[in-house]
Amino acid sequence: MRILIVDDNIKWVDDISDILSVIGHQCDGFSDPLLAVEAYKVKPYDLVITDLVMPGIDGLQVAKAIKEYDPQAVVVIITGAAVDTERITSQKSAAALMFKPISLTELFDFMDNVQRAKVS
């Protein structure tokens, strides 16, 4: 699976990229959300994982920009902040909202569902 990871915390980007790469996924990570959106336009990904709170544009804006370009894009928003879950999920830009520290089991289960949906 090709995965785009976006978070202003580059250590988190590197850590999750390493974990996902070890199990066979191709990951590209960005700490700049605008560069990440441009990267998606160059070569779309099977999954986008983006932090919610970032300087410049936030994860919702990243999700909206990617979904405008590719309505079939699958975007997961992650956050360590207290947020209005209903406001984020009602936007319809993200397929899922996950909270930091992220549960790898939850992420892997979600990824399995994405892969199954693409096959069928």
PDB file of N, CA and C in Angstrom:
ATOM      1  N   MET A   1       0.854  -1.171   0.000  1.00  0.00           N
ATOM      2  CA  MET A   1       0.000   0.000   0.000  1.00  0.00           C
ATOM      3  C   MET A   1       0.903   1.237   0.000  1.00  0.00           C
ATOM      4  N   ARG A   2       0.545   2.213  -0.830  1.00  0.00           N
ATOM      5  CA  ARG A   2       1.279   3.485  -0.854  1.00  0.00           C
ATOM      6  C   ARG A   2       0.613   4.442   0.130  1.00  0.00           C
ATOM      7  N   ILE A   3       1.401   4.955   1.078  1.00  0.00           N
ATOM      8  CA  ILE A   3       0.852   5.757   2.166  1.00  0.00           C
ATOM      9  C   ILE A   3       1.574   7.101   2.246  1.00  0.00           C
ATOM     10  N   LEU A   4       0.788   8.165   2.314  1.00  0.00           N
ATOM     11  CA  LEU A   4       1.297   9.522   2.515  1.00  0.00           C
ATOM     12  C   LEU A   4       1.047   9.891   3.970  1.00  0.00           C
ATOM     13  N   ILE A   5       2.114  10.281   4.672  1.00  0.00           N
ATOM     14  CA  ILE A   5       2.014  10.625   6.094  1.00  0.00           C
ATOM     15  C   ILE A   5       2.378  12.104   6.261  1.00  0.00           C
ATOM     16  N   VAL A   6       1.487  12.839   6.947  1.00  0.00           N
ATOM     17  CA  VAL A   6       1.660  14.283   7.097  1.00  0.00           C
ATOM     18  C   VAL A   6       1.531  14.658   8.575  1.00  0.00           C
ATOM     19  N   ASP A   7       2.586  15.231   9.121  1.00  0.00           N
ATOM     20  CA  ASP A   7       2.566  15.680  10.520  1.00  0.00           C
ATOM     21  C   ASP A   7       3.717  16.651  10.701  1.00  0.00           C
ATOM     22  N   ASP A   8       3.484  17.733  11.425  1.00  0.00           N
ATOM     23  CA  ASP A   8       4.563  18.696  11.649  1.00  0.00           C
ATOM     24  C   ASP A   8       5.627  18.150  12.594  1.00  0.00           C
ATOM     25  N   ASN A   9       5.340  17.045  13.258  1.00  0.00           N
ATOM     26  CA  ASN A   9       6.322  16.375  14.114  1.00  0.00           C
ATOM     27  C   ASN A   9       7.056  15.335  13.261  1.00  0.00           C
ATOM     28  N   ILE A  10       8.199  15.716  12.727  1.00  0.00           N
ATOM     29  CA  ILE A  10       8.927  14.857  11.792  1.00  0.00           C
ATOM     30  C   ILE A  10       9.365  13.544  12.447  1.00  0.00           C
ATOM     31  N   LYS A  11       9.608  13.542  13.745  1.00  0.00           N
ATOM     32  CA  LYS A  11       9.968  12.291  14.432  1.00  0.00           C
ATOM     33  C   LYS A  11       8.814  11.309  14.356  1.00  0.00           C
ATOM     34  N   TRP A  12       7.583  11.787  14.570  1.00  0.00           N
ATOM     35  CA  TRP A  12       6.415  10.907  14.473  1.00  0.00           C
ATOM     36  C   TRP A  12       6.272  10.384  13.045  1.00  0.00           C
ATOM     37  N   VAL A  13       6.466  11.259  12.064  1.00  0.00           N
ATOM     38  CA  VAL A  13       6.405  10.846  10.656  1.00  0.00           C
ATOM     39  C   VAL A  13       7.415   9.735  10.395  1.00  0.00           C
ATOM     40  N   ASP A  14       8.652   9.935  10.834  1.00  0.00           N
ATOM     41  CA  ASP A  14       9.700   8.929  10.631  1.00  0.00           C
ATOM     42  C   ASP A  14       9.367   7.619  11.342  1.00  0.00           C
ATOM     43  N   ASP A  15       8.870   7.717  12.579  1.00  0.00           N
ATOM     44  CA  ASP A  15       8.566   6.511  13.359  1.00  0.00           C
ATOM     45  C   ASP A  15       7.460   5.689  12.708  1.00  0.00           C
ATOM     46  N   ILE A  16       6.356   6.327  12.339  1.00  0.00           N
ATOM     47  CA  ILE A  16       5.242   5.577  11.755  1.00  0.00           C
ATOM     48  C   ILE A  16       5.611   5.080  10.359  1.00  0.00           C
ATOM     49  N   SER A  17       6.404   5.859   9.623  1.00  0.00           N
ATOM     50  CA  SER A  17       6.884   5.413   8.310  1.00  0.00           C
ATOM     51  C   SER A  17       7.735   4.158   8.449  1.00  0.00           C
ATOM     52  N   ASP A  18       8.621   4.149   9.438  1.00  0.00           N
ATOM     53  CA  ASP A  18       9.474   2.976   9.672  1.00  0.00           C
ATOM     54  C   ASP A  18       8.640   1.744   9.996  1.00  0.00           C
ATOM     55  N   ILE A  19       7.654   1.902  10.869  1.00  0.00           N
ATOM     56  CA  ILE A  19       6.802   0.781  11.266  1.00  0.00           C
ATOM     57  C   ILE A  19       6.051   0.228  10.057  1.00  0.00           C
ATOM     58  N   LEU A  20       5.447   1.125   9.277  1.00  0.00           N
ATOM     59  CA  LEU A  20       4.655   0.686   8.128  1.00  0.00           C
ATOM     60  C   LEU A  20       5.532   0.112   7.016  1.00  0.00           C
ATOM     61  N   SER A  21       6.734   0.645   6.872  1.00  0.00           N
ATOM     62  CA  SER A  21       7.657   0.137   5.853  1.00  0.00           C
ATOM     63  C   SER A  21       8.113  -1.285   6.174  1.00  0.00           C
ATOM     64  N   VAL A  22       8.343  -1.554   7.450  1.00  0.00           N
ATOM     65  CA  VAL A  22       8.793  -2.886   7.869  1.00  0.00           C
ATOM     66  C   VAL A  22       7.765  -3.953   7.485  1.00  0.00           C
ATOM     67  N   ILE A  23       6.487  -3.594   7.498  1.00  0.00           N
ATOM     68  CA  ILE A  23       5.453  -4.590   7.160  1.00  0.00           C
ATOM     69  C   ILE A  23       5.049  -4.506   5.685  1.00  0.00           C
ATOM     70  N   GLY A  24       5.882  -3.826   4.882  1.00  0.00           N
ATOM     71  CA  GLY A  24       5.715  -3.904   3.440  1.00  0.00           C
ATOM     72  C   GLY A  24       5.040  -2.751   2.734  1.00  0.00           C
ATOM     73  N   HIS A  25       4.775  -1.679   3.439  1.00  0.00           N
ATOM     74  CA  HIS A  25       4.123  -0.532   2.809  1.00  0.00           C
ATOM     75  C   HIS A  25       5.160   0.484   2.342  1.00  0.00           C
ATOM     76  N   GLN A  26       4.823   1.200   1.277  1.00  0.00           N
ATOM     77  CA  GLN A  26       5.690   2.267   0.767  1.00  0.00           C
ATOM     78  C   GLN A  26       5.170   3.583   1.335  1.00  0.00           C
ATOM     79  N   CYS A  27       5.995   4.268   2.101  1.00  0.00           N
ATOM     80  CA  CYS A  27       5.573   5.488   2.787  1.00  0.00           C
ATOM     81  C   CYS A  27       6.384   6.694   2.341  1.00  0.00           C
ATOM     82  N   ASP A  28       5.700   7.804   2.176  1.00  0.00           N
ATOM     83  CA  ASP A  28       6.340   9.092   1.973  1.00  0.00           C
ATOM     84  C   ASP A  28       5.834  10.009   3.074  1.00  0.00           C
ATOM     85  N   GLY A  29       6.749  10.664   3.764  1.00  0.00           N
ATOM     86  CA  GLY A  29       6.371  11.522   4.876  1.00  0.00           C
ATOM     87  C   GLY A  29       6.710  12.972   4.629  1.00  0.00           C
ATOM     88  N   PHE A  30       5.836  13.838   5.121  1.00  0.00           N
ATOM     89  CA  PHE A  30       6.029  15.277   4.986  1.00  0.00           C
ATOM     90  C   PHE A  30       5.697  15.972   6.297  1.00  0.00           C
ATOM     91  N   SER A  31       6.513  16.954   6.656  1.00  0.00           N
ATOM     92  CA  SER A  31       6.186  17.793   7.808  1.00  0.00           C
ATOM     93  C   SER A  31       5.505  19.078   7.350  1.00  0.00           C
ATOM     94  N   ASP A  32       5.513  19.347   6.050  1.00  0.00           N
ATOM     95  CA  ASP A  32       4.858  20.525   5.475  1.00  0.00           C
ATOM     96  C   ASP A  32       3.586  20.072   4.757  1.00  0.00           C
ATOM     97  N   PRO A  33       2.414  20.443   5.284  1.00  0.00           N
ATOM     98  CA  PRO A  33       1.168  19.957   4.689  1.00  0.00           C
ATOM     99  C   PRO A  33       0.950  20.415   3.242  1.00  0.00           C
ATOM    100  N   LEU A  34       1.400  21.598   2.893  1.00  0.00           N
ATOM    101  CA  LEU A  34       1.230  22.069   1.513  1.00  0.00           C
ATOM    102  C   LEU A  34       2.051  21.229   0.539  1.00  0.00           C
ATOM    103  N   LEU A  35       3.268  20.876   0.935  1.00  0.00           N
ATOM    104  CA  LEU A  35       4.092  20.004   0.091  1.00  0.00           C
ATOM    105  C   LEU A  35       3.471  18.611  -0.025  1.00  0.00           C
ATOM    106  N   ALA A  36       2.851  18.156   1.030  1.00  0.00           N
ATOM    107  CA  ALA A  36       2.202  16.842   1.001  1.00  0.00           C
ATOM    108  C   ALA A  36       1.046  16.818   0.001  1.00  0.00           C
ATOM    109  N   VAL A  37       0.241  17.871  -0.008  1.00  0.00           N
ATOM    110  CA  VAL A  37      -0.875  17.954  -0.962  1.00  0.00           C
ATOM    111  C   VAL A  37      -0.334  17.945  -2.388  1.00  0.00           C
ATOM    112  N   GLU A  38       0.721  18.699  -2.625  1.00  0.00           N
ATOM    113  CA  GLU A  38       1.325  18.721  -3.968  1.00  0.00           C
ATOM    114  C   GLU A  38       1.885  17.352  -4.349  1.00  0.00           C
ATOM    115  N   ALA A  39       2.477  16.656  -3.389  1.00  0.00           N
ATOM    116  CA  ALA A  39       3.019  15.320  -3.647  1.00  0.00           C
ATOM    117  C   ALA A  39       1.896  14.360  -4.042  1.00  0.00           C
ATOM    118  N   TYR A  40       0.747  14.484  -3.385  1.00  0.00           N
ATOM    119  CA  TYR A  40      -0.392  13.629  -3.722  1.00  0.00           C
ATOM    120  C   TYR A  40      -0.824  13.864  -5.173  1.00  0.00           C
ATOM    121  N   LYS A  41      -0.793  15.102  -5.589  1.00  0.00           N
ATOM    122  CA  LYS A  41      -1.207  15.428  -6.960  1.00  0.00           C
ATOM    123  C   LYS A  41      -0.236  14.859  -7.992  1.00  0.00           C
ATOM    124  N   VAL A  42       1.020  14.685  -7.613  1.00  0.00           N
ATOM    125  CA  VAL A  42       2.015  14.117  -8.520  1.00  0.00           C
ATOM    126  C   VAL A  42       1.831  12.604  -8.630  1.00  0.00           C
ATOM    127  N   LYS A  43       1.622  11.958  -7.493  1.00  0.00           N
ATOM    128  CA  LYS A  43       1.392  10.506  -7.499  1.00  0.00           C
ATOM    129  C   LYS A  43       0.446  10.148  -6.355  1.00  0.00           C
ATOM    130  N   PRO A  44      -0.813   9.878  -6.698  1.00  0.00           N
ATOM    131  CA  PRO A  44      -1.803   9.558  -5.662  1.00  0.00           C
ATOM    132  C   PRO A  44      -1.395   8.354  -4.805  1.00  0.00           C
ATOM    133  N   TYR A  45      -1.936   8.328  -3.606  1.00  0.00           N
ATOM    134  CA  TYR A  45      -1.625   7.303  -2.622  1.00  0.00           C
ATOM    135  C   TYR A  45      -2.882   6.491  -2.306  1.00  0.00           C
ATOM    136  N   ASP A  46      -2.674   5.298  -1.780  1.00  0.00           N
ATOM    137  CA  ASP A  46      -3.794   4.460  -1.350  1.00  0.00           C
ATOM    138  C   ASP A  46      -4.397   4.962  -0.049  1.00  0.00           C
ATOM    139  N   LEU A  47      -3.567   5.625   0.762  1.00  0.00           N
ATOM    140  CA  LEU A  47      -3.996   6.094   2.072  1.00  0.00           C
ATOM    141  C   LEU A  47      -3.211   7.334   2.449  1.00  0.00           C
ATOM    142  N   VAL A  48      -3.907   8.294   3.054  1.00  0.00           N
ATOM    143  CA  VAL A  48      -3.268   9.494   3.601  1.00  0.00           C
ATOM    144  C   VAL A  48      -3.531   9.505   5.095  1.00  0.00           C
ATOM    145  N   ILE A  49      -2.471   9.662   5.868  1.00  0.00           N
ATOM    146  CA  ILE A  49      -2.582   9.809   7.319  1.00  0.00           C
ATOM    147  C   ILE A  49      -2.068  11.201   7.639  1.00  0.00           C
ATOM    148  N   THR A  50      -2.943  12.056   8.164  1.00  0.00           N
ATOM    149  CA  THR A  50      -2.534  13.429   8.447  1.00  0.00           C
ATOM    150  C   THR A  50      -2.894  13.844   9.866  1.00  0.00           C
ATOM    151  N   ASP A  51      -1.991  14.581  10.471  1.00  0.00           N
ATOM    152  CA  ASP A  51      -2.261  15.165  11.776  1.00  0.00           C
ATOM    153  C   ASP A  51      -3.321  16.246  11.601  1.00  0.00           C
ATOM    154  N   LEU A  52      -4.076  16.524  12.632  1.00  0.00           N
ATOM    155  CA  LEU A  52      -5.097  17.566  12.574  1.00  0.00           C
ATOM    156  C   LEU A  52      -4.488  18.948  12.778  1.00  0.00           C
ATOM    157  N   VAL A  53      -3.721  19.112  13.851  1.00  0.00           N
ATOM    158  CA  VAL A  53      -3.219  20.434  14.225  1.00  0.00           C
ATOM    159  C   VAL A  53      -1.792  20.611  13.711  1.00  0.00           C
ATOM    160  N   MET A  54      -1.656  21.503  12.724  1.00  0.00           N
ATOM    161  CA  MET A  54      -0.347  21.799  12.135  1.00  0.00           C
ATOM    162  C   MET A  54      -0.317  23.279  11.772  1.00  0.00           C
ATOM    163  N   PRO A  55       0.878  23.864  11.738  1.00  0.00           N
ATOM    164  CA  PRO A  55       0.964  25.263  11.304  1.00  0.00           C
ATOM    165  C   PRO A  55       0.671  25.372   9.805  1.00  0.00           C
ATOM    166  N   GLY A  56       0.171  26.510   9.408  1.00  0.00           N
ATOM    167  CA  GLY A  56      -0.160  26.709   7.991  1.00  0.00           C
ATOM    168  C   GLY A  56      -1.567  26.236   7.733  1.00  0.00           C
ATOM    169  N   ILE A  57      -1.708  25.024   7.200  1.00  0.00           N
ATOM    170  CA  ILE A  57      -3.037  24.460   7.018  1.00  0.00           C
ATOM    171  C   ILE A  57      -3.169  23.235   7.916  1.00  0.00           C
ATOM    172  N   ASP A  58      -4.382  23.011   8.400  1.00  0.00           N
ATOM    173  CA  ASP A  58      -4.576  21.882   9.317  1.00  0.00           C
ATOM    174  C   ASP A  58      -4.964  20.623   8.541  1.00  0.00           C
ATOM    175  N   GLY A  59      -5.115  19.544   9.271  1.00  0.00           N
ATOM    176  CA  GLY A  59      -5.416  18.261   8.656  1.00  0.00           C
ATOM    177  C   GLY A  59      -6.736  18.230   7.908  1.00  0.00           C
ATOM    178  N   LEU A  60      -7.741  18.960   8.401  1.00  0.00           N
ATOM    179  CA  LEU A  60      -9.007  19.032   7.671  1.00  0.00           C
ATOM    180  C   LEU A  60      -8.819  19.695   6.316  1.00  0.00           C
ATOM    181  N   GLN A  61      -8.006  20.743   6.286  1.00  0.00           N
ATOM    182  CA  GLN A  61      -7.737  21.424   5.020  1.00  0.00           C
ATOM    183  C   GLN A  61      -6.935  20.528   4.083  1.00  0.00           C
ATOM    184  N   VAL A  62      -6.011  19.758   4.629  1.00  0.00           N
ATOM    185  CA  VAL A  62      -5.265  18.790   3.824  1.00  0.00           C
ATOM    186  C   VAL A  62      -6.247  17.781   3.226  1.00  0.00           C
ATOM    187  N   ALA A  63      -7.123  17.245   4.060  1.00  0.00           N
ATOM    188  CA  ALA A  63      -8.102  16.258   3.592  1.00  0.00           C
ATOM    189  C   ALA A  63      -8.997  16.841   2.503  1.00  0.00           C
ATOM    190  N   LYS A  64      -9.485  18.056   2.709  1.00  0.00           N
ATOM    191  CA  LYS A  64     -10.360  18.687   1.714  1.00  0.00           C
ATOM    192  C   LYS A  64      -9.633  18.913   0.402  1.00  0.00           C
ATOM    193  N   ALA A  65      -8.400  19.387   0.463  1.00  0.00           N
ATOM    194  CA  ALA A  65      -7.637  19.642  -0.760  1.00  0.00           C
ATOM    195  C   ALA A  65      -7.396  18.349  -1.534  1.00  0.00           C
ATOM    196  N   ILE A  66      -7.070  17.296  -0.827  1.00  0.00           N
ATOM    197  CA  ILE A  66      -6.819  16.014  -1.484  1.00  0.00           C
ATOM    198  C   ILE A  66      -8.117  15.444  -2.047  1.00  0.00           C
ATOM    199  N   LYS A  67      -9.207  15.547  -1.292  1.00  0.00           N
ATOM    200  CA  LYS A  67     -10.495  15.024  -1.760  1.00  0.00           C
ATOM    201  C   LYS A  67     -11.029  15.829  -2.942  1.00  0.00           C
ATOM    202  N   GLU A  68     -10.718  17.111  -3.010  1.00  0.00           N
ATOM    203  CA  GLU A  68     -11.115  17.905  -4.182  1.00  0.00           C
ATOM    204  C   GLU A  68     -10.376  17.412  -5.419  1.00  0.00           C
ATOM    205  N   TYR A  69      -9.129  17.075  -5.250  1.00  0.00           N
ATOM    206  CA  TYR A  69      -8.321  16.565  -6.352  1.00  0.00           C
ATOM    207  C   TYR A  69      -8.726  15.132  -6.704  1.00  0.00           C
ATOM    208  N   ASP A  70      -8.953  14.318  -5.677  1.00  0.00           N
ATOM    209  CA  ASP A  70      -9.273  12.899  -5.867  1.00  0.00           C
ATOM    210  C   ASP A  70     -10.388  12.508  -4.902  1.00  0.00           C
ATOM    211  N   PRO A  71     -11.649  12.558  -5.351  1.00  0.00           N
ATOM    212  CA  PRO A  71     -12.773  12.249  -4.455  1.00  0.00           C
ATOM    213  C   PRO A  71     -12.722  10.840  -3.854  1.00  0.00           C
ATOM    214  N   GLN A  72     -11.966   9.932  -4.461  1.00  0.00           N
ATOM    215  CA  GLN A  72     -11.859   8.562  -3.948  1.00  0.00           C
ATOM    216  C   GLN A  72     -10.748   8.404  -2.911  1.00  0.00           C
ATOM    217  N   ALA A  73     -10.010   9.466  -2.625  1.00  0.00           N
ATOM    218  CA  ALA A  73      -8.900   9.394  -1.669  1.00  0.00           C
ATOM    219  C   ALA A  73      -9.407   8.948  -0.295  1.00  0.00           C
ATOM    220  N   VAL A  74      -8.568   8.169   0.384  1.00  0.00           N
ATOM    221  CA  VAL A  74      -8.882   7.710   1.739  1.00  0.00           C
ATOM    222  C   VAL A  74      -7.943   8.446   2.690  1.00  0.00           C
ATOM    223  N   VAL A  75      -8.536   9.251   3.576  1.00  0.00           N
ATOM    224  CA  VAL A  75      -7.763  10.088   4.488  1.00  0.00           C
ATOM    225  C   VAL A  75      -8.130   9.757   5.928  1.00  0.00           C
ATOM    226  N   VAL A  76      -7.104   9.543   6.741  1.00  0.00           N
ATOM    227  CA  VAL A  76      -7.279   9.364   8.179  1.00  0.00           C
ATOM    228  C   VAL A  76      -6.702  10.594   8.859  1.00  0.00           C
ATOM    229  N   ILE A  77      -7.486  11.208   9.726  1.00  0.00           N
ATOM    230  CA  ILE A  77      -6.991  12.336  10.509  1.00  0.00           C
ATOM    231  C   ILE A  77      -6.643  11.818  11.899  1.00  0.00           C
ATOM    232  N   ILE A  78      -5.445  12.191  12.356  1.00  0.00           N
ATOM    233  CA  ILE A  78      -5.004  11.808  13.697  1.00  0.00           C
ATOM    234  C   ILE A  78      -4.788  13.076  14.509  1.00  0.00           C
ATOM    235  N   THR A  79      -4.966  12.957  15.799  1.00  0.00           N
ATOM    236  CA  THR A  79      -4.746  14.123  16.649  1.00  0.00           C
ATOM    237  C   THR A  79      -4.463  13.710  18.086  1.00  0.00           C
ATOM    238  N   GLY A  80      -3.714  14.546  18.736  1.00  0.00           N
ATOM    239  CA  GLY A  80      -3.472  14.391  20.160  1.00  0.00           C
ATOM    240  C   GLY A  80      -4.237  15.452  20.937  1.00  0.00           C
ATOM    241  N   ALA A  81      -4.967  16.302  20.209  1.00  0.00           N
ATOM    242  CA  ALA A  81      -5.694  17.414  20.816  1.00  0.00           C
ATOM    243  C   ALA A  81      -7.130  17.018  21.148  1.00  0.00           C
ATOM    244  N   ALA A  82      -7.690  17.705  22.121  1.00  0.00           N
ATOM    245  CA  ALA A  82      -9.114  17.541  22.404  1.00  0.00           C
ATOM    246  C   ALA A  82      -9.870  18.232  21.278  1.00  0.00           C
ATOM    247  N   VAL A  83     -10.733  17.487  20.609  1.00  0.00           N
ATOM    248  CA  VAL A  83     -11.428  18.035  19.440  1.00  0.00           C
ATOM    249  C   VAL A  83     -12.911  17.695  19.491  1.00  0.00           C
ATOM    250  N   ASP A  84     -13.676  18.431  18.709  1.00  0.00           N
ATOM    251  CA  ASP A  84     -15.094  18.151  18.510  1.00  0.00           C
ATOM    252  C   ASP A  84     -15.184  17.067  17.442  1.00  0.00           C
ATOM    253  N   THR A  85     -15.276  15.832  17.882  1.00  0.00           N
ATOM    254  CA  THR A  85     -15.277  14.680  16.978  1.00  0.00           C
ATOM    255  C   THR A  85     -16.379  14.792  15.933  1.00  0.00           C
ATOM    256  N   GLU A  86     -17.545  15.208  16.352  1.00  0.00           N
ATOM    257  CA  GLU A  86     -18.674  15.313  15.422  1.00  0.00           C
ATOM    258  C   GLU A  86     -18.397  16.332  14.320  1.00  0.00           C
ATOM    259  N   ARG A  87     -17.760  17.444  14.672  1.00  0.00           N
ATOM    260  CA  ARG A  87     -17.446  18.466  13.670  1.00  0.00           C
ATOM    261  C   ARG A  87     -16.500  17.904  12.610  1.00  0.00           C
ATOM    262  N   ILE A  88     -15.531  17.136  13.037  1.00  0.00           N
ATOM    263  CA  ILE A  88     -14.550  16.588  12.098  1.00  0.00           C
ATOM    264  C   ILE A  88     -15.177  15.503  11.235  1.00  0.00           C
ATOM    265  N   THR A  89     -15.903  14.580  11.848  1.00  0.00           N
ATOM    266  CA  THR A  89     -16.487  13.489  11.074  1.00  0.00           C
ATOM    267  C   THR A  89     -17.618  13.973  10.177  1.00  0.00           C
ATOM    268  N   SER A  90     -18.290  15.055  10.539  1.00  0.00           N
ATOM    269  CA  SER A  90     -19.380  15.569   9.701  1.00  0.00           C
ATOM    270  C   SER A  90     -18.855  16.237   8.426  1.00  0.00           C
ATOM    271  N   GLN A  91     -17.579  16.554   8.380  1.00  0.00           N
ATOM    272  CA  GLN A  91     -16.993  17.199   7.211  1.00  0.00           C
ATOM    273  C   GLN A  91     -16.933  16.261   6.007  1.00  0.00           C
ATOM    274  N   LYS A  92     -16.958  14.962   6.240  1.00  0.00           N
ATOM    275  CA  LYS A  92     -16.918  13.942   5.186  1.00  0.00           C
ATOM    276  C   LYS A  92     -15.604  13.915   4.403  1.00  0.00           C
ATOM    277  N   SER A  93     -14.600  14.655   4.847  1.00  0.00           N
ATOM    278  CA  SER A  93     -13.312  14.645   4.156  1.00  0.00           C
ATOM    279  C   SER A  93     -12.436  13.488   4.631  1.00  0.00           C
ATOM    280  N   ALA A  94     -12.670  13.055   5.848  1.00  0.00           N
ATOM    281  CA  ALA A  94     -11.842  11.994   6.422  1.00  0.00           C
ATOM    282  C   ALA A  94     -12.648  10.714   6.571  1.00  0.00           C
ATOM    283  N   ALA A  95     -12.005   9.594   6.259  1.00  0.00           N
ATOM    284  CA  ALA A  95     -12.644   8.290   6.417  1.00  0.00           C
ATOM    285  C   ALA A  95     -12.623   7.845   7.880  1.00  0.00           C
ATOM    286  N   ALA A  96     -11.671   8.396   8.642  1.00  0.00           N
ATOM    287  CA  ALA A  96     -11.556   8.015  10.055  1.00  0.00           C
ATOM    288  C   ALA A  96     -10.845   9.106  10.834  1.00  0.00           C
ATOM    289  N   LEU A  97     -11.111   9.119  12.127  1.00  0.00           N
ATOM    290  CA  LEU A  97     -10.432   9.999  13.074  1.00  0.00           C
ATOM    291  C   LEU A  97      -9.834   9.103  14.146  1.00  0.00           C
ATOM    292  N   MET A  98      -8.524   9.240  14.362  1.00  0.00           N
ATOM    293  CA  MET A  98      -7.837   8.444  15.382  1.00  0.00           C
ATOM    294  C   MET A  98      -7.081   9.383  16.312  1.00  0.00           C
ATOM    295  N   PHE A  99      -6.896   8.930  17.533  1.00  0.00           N
ATOM    296  CA  PHE A  99      -6.268   9.762  18.548  1.00  0.00           C
ATOM    297  C   PHE A  99      -4.883   9.247  18.918  1.00  0.00           C
ATOM    298  N   LYS A 100      -3.965  10.200  19.126  1.00  0.00           N
ATOM    299  CA  LYS A 100      -2.614   9.877  19.582  1.00  0.00           C
ATOM    300  C   LYS A 100      -2.652   9.649  21.082  1.00  0.00           C
ATOM    301  N   PRO A 101      -1.872   8.760  21.634  1.00  0.00           N
ATOM    302  CA  PRO A 101      -0.981   7.883  20.888  1.00  0.00           C
ATOM    303  C   PRO A 101      -1.813   6.897  20.072  1.00  0.00           C
ATOM    304  N   ILE A 102      -1.463   6.767  18.824  1.00  0.00           N
ATOM    305  CA  ILE A 102      -2.251   5.972  17.890  1.00  0.00           C
ATOM    306  C   ILE A 102      -2.127   4.491  18.228  1.00  0.00           C
ATOM    307  N   SER A 103      -3.247   3.803  18.137  1.00  0.00           N
ATOM    308  CA  SER A 103      -3.262   2.350  18.336  1.00  0.00           C
ATOM    309  C   SER A 103      -2.885   1.706  17.011  1.00  0.00           C
ATOM    310  N   LEU A 104      -1.763   0.998  16.992  1.00  0.00           N
ATOM    311  CA  LEU A 104      -1.342   0.330  15.764  1.00  0.00           C
ATOM    312  C   LEU A 104      -2.364  -0.727  15.342  1.00  0.00           C
ATOM    313  N   THR A 105      -2.981  -1.376  16.299  1.00  0.00           N
ATOM    314  CA  THR A 105      -4.008  -2.364  15.976  1.00  0.00           C
ATOM    315  C   THR A 105      -5.165  -1.695  15.249  1.00  0.00           C
ATOM    316  N   GLU A 106      -5.611  -0.564  15.759  1.00  0.00           N
ATOM    317  CA  GLU A 106      -6.702   0.175  15.114  1.00  0.00           C
ATOM    318  C   GLU A 106      -6.298   0.625  13.709  1.00  0.00           C
ATOM    319  N   LEU A 107      -5.085   1.138  13.576  1.00  0.00           N
ATOM    320  CA  LEU A 107      -4.598   1.581  12.267  1.00  0.00           C
ATOM    321  C   LEU A 107      -4.492   0.404  11.304  1.00  0.00           C
ATOM    322  N   PHE A 108      -3.904  -0.707  11.742  1.00  0.00           N
ATOM    323  CA  PHE A 108      -3.753  -1.882  10.869  1.00  0.00           C
ATOM    324  C   PHE A 108      -5.116  -2.432  10.449  1.00  0.00           C
ATOM    325  N   ASP A 109      -6.077  -2.464  11.384  1.00  0.00           N
ATOM    326  CA  ASP A 109      -7.425  -2.932  11.040  1.00  0.00           C
ATOM    327  C   ASP A 109      -8.052  -2.020   9.984  1.00  0.00           C
ATOM    328  N   PHE A 110      -7.891  -0.730  10.151  1.00  0.00           N
ATOM    329  CA  PHE A 110      -8.423   0.223   9.175  1.00  0.00           C
ATOM    330  C   PHE A 110      -7.763   0.009   7.816  1.00  0.00           C
ATOM    331  N   MET A 111      -6.447  -0.157   7.812  1.00  0.00           N
ATOM    332  CA  MET A 111      -5.720  -0.373   6.561  1.00  0.00           C
ATOM    333  C   MET A 111      -6.165  -1.656   5.874  1.00  0.00           C
ATOM    334  N   ASP A 112      -6.396  -2.708   6.648  1.00  0.00           N
ATOM    335  CA  ASP A 112      -6.902  -3.965   6.076  1.00  0.00           C
ATOM    336  C   ASP A 112      -8.251  -3.736   5.395  1.00  0.00           C
ATOM    337  N   ASN A 113      -9.122  -2.956   6.043  1.00  0.00           N
ATOM    338  CA  ASN A 113     -10.426  -2.655   5.452  1.00  0.00           C
ATOM    339  C   ASN A 113     -10.288  -1.863   4.158  1.00  0.00           C
ATOM    340  N   VAL A 114      -9.352  -0.933   4.130  1.00  0.00           N
ATOM    341  CA  VAL A 114      -9.112  -0.140   2.911  1.00  0.00           C
ATOM    342  C   VAL A 114      -8.642  -1.065   1.793  1.00  0.00           C
ATOM    343  N   GLN A 115      -7.717  -1.944   2.097  1.00  0.00           N
ATOM    344  CA  GLN A 115      -7.216  -2.875   1.080  1.00  0.00           C
ATOM    345  C   GLN A 115      -8.315  -3.797   0.561  1.00  0.00           C
ATOM    346  N   ARG A 116      -9.154  -4.295   1.466  1.00  0.00           N
ATOM    347  CA  ARG A 116     -10.259  -5.168   1.053  1.00  0.00           C
ATOM    348  C   ARG A 116     -11.237  -4.420   0.155  1.00  0.00           C
ATOM    349  N   ALA A 117     -11.512  -3.169   0.480  1.00  0.00           N
ATOM    350  CA  ALA A 117     -12.441  -2.364  -0.315  1.00  0.00           C
ATOM    351  C   ALA A 117     -11.902  -2.099  -1.711  1.00  0.00           C
ATOM    352  N   LYS A 118     -10.598  -1.916  -1.827  1.00  0.00           N
ATOM    353  CA  LYS A 118      -9.993  -1.666  -3.139  1.00  0.00           C
ATOM    354  C   LYS A 118     -10.002  -2.905  -4.022  1.00  0.00           C
ATOM    355  N   VAL A 119      -9.948  -4.072  -3.397  1.00  0.00           N
ATOM    356  CA  VAL A 119      -9.942  -5.326  -4.149  1.00  0.00           C
ATOM    357  C   VAL A 119     -11.347  -5.650  -4.674  1.00  0.00           C
ATOM    358  N   SER A 120     -12.354  -5.329  -3.880  1.00  0.00           N
ATOM    359  CA  SER A 120     -13.731  -5.693  -4.290  1.00  0.00           C
ATOM    360  C   SER A 120     -14.363  -4.694  -5.215  1.00  0.00           C
TER     361      SER A 120
END
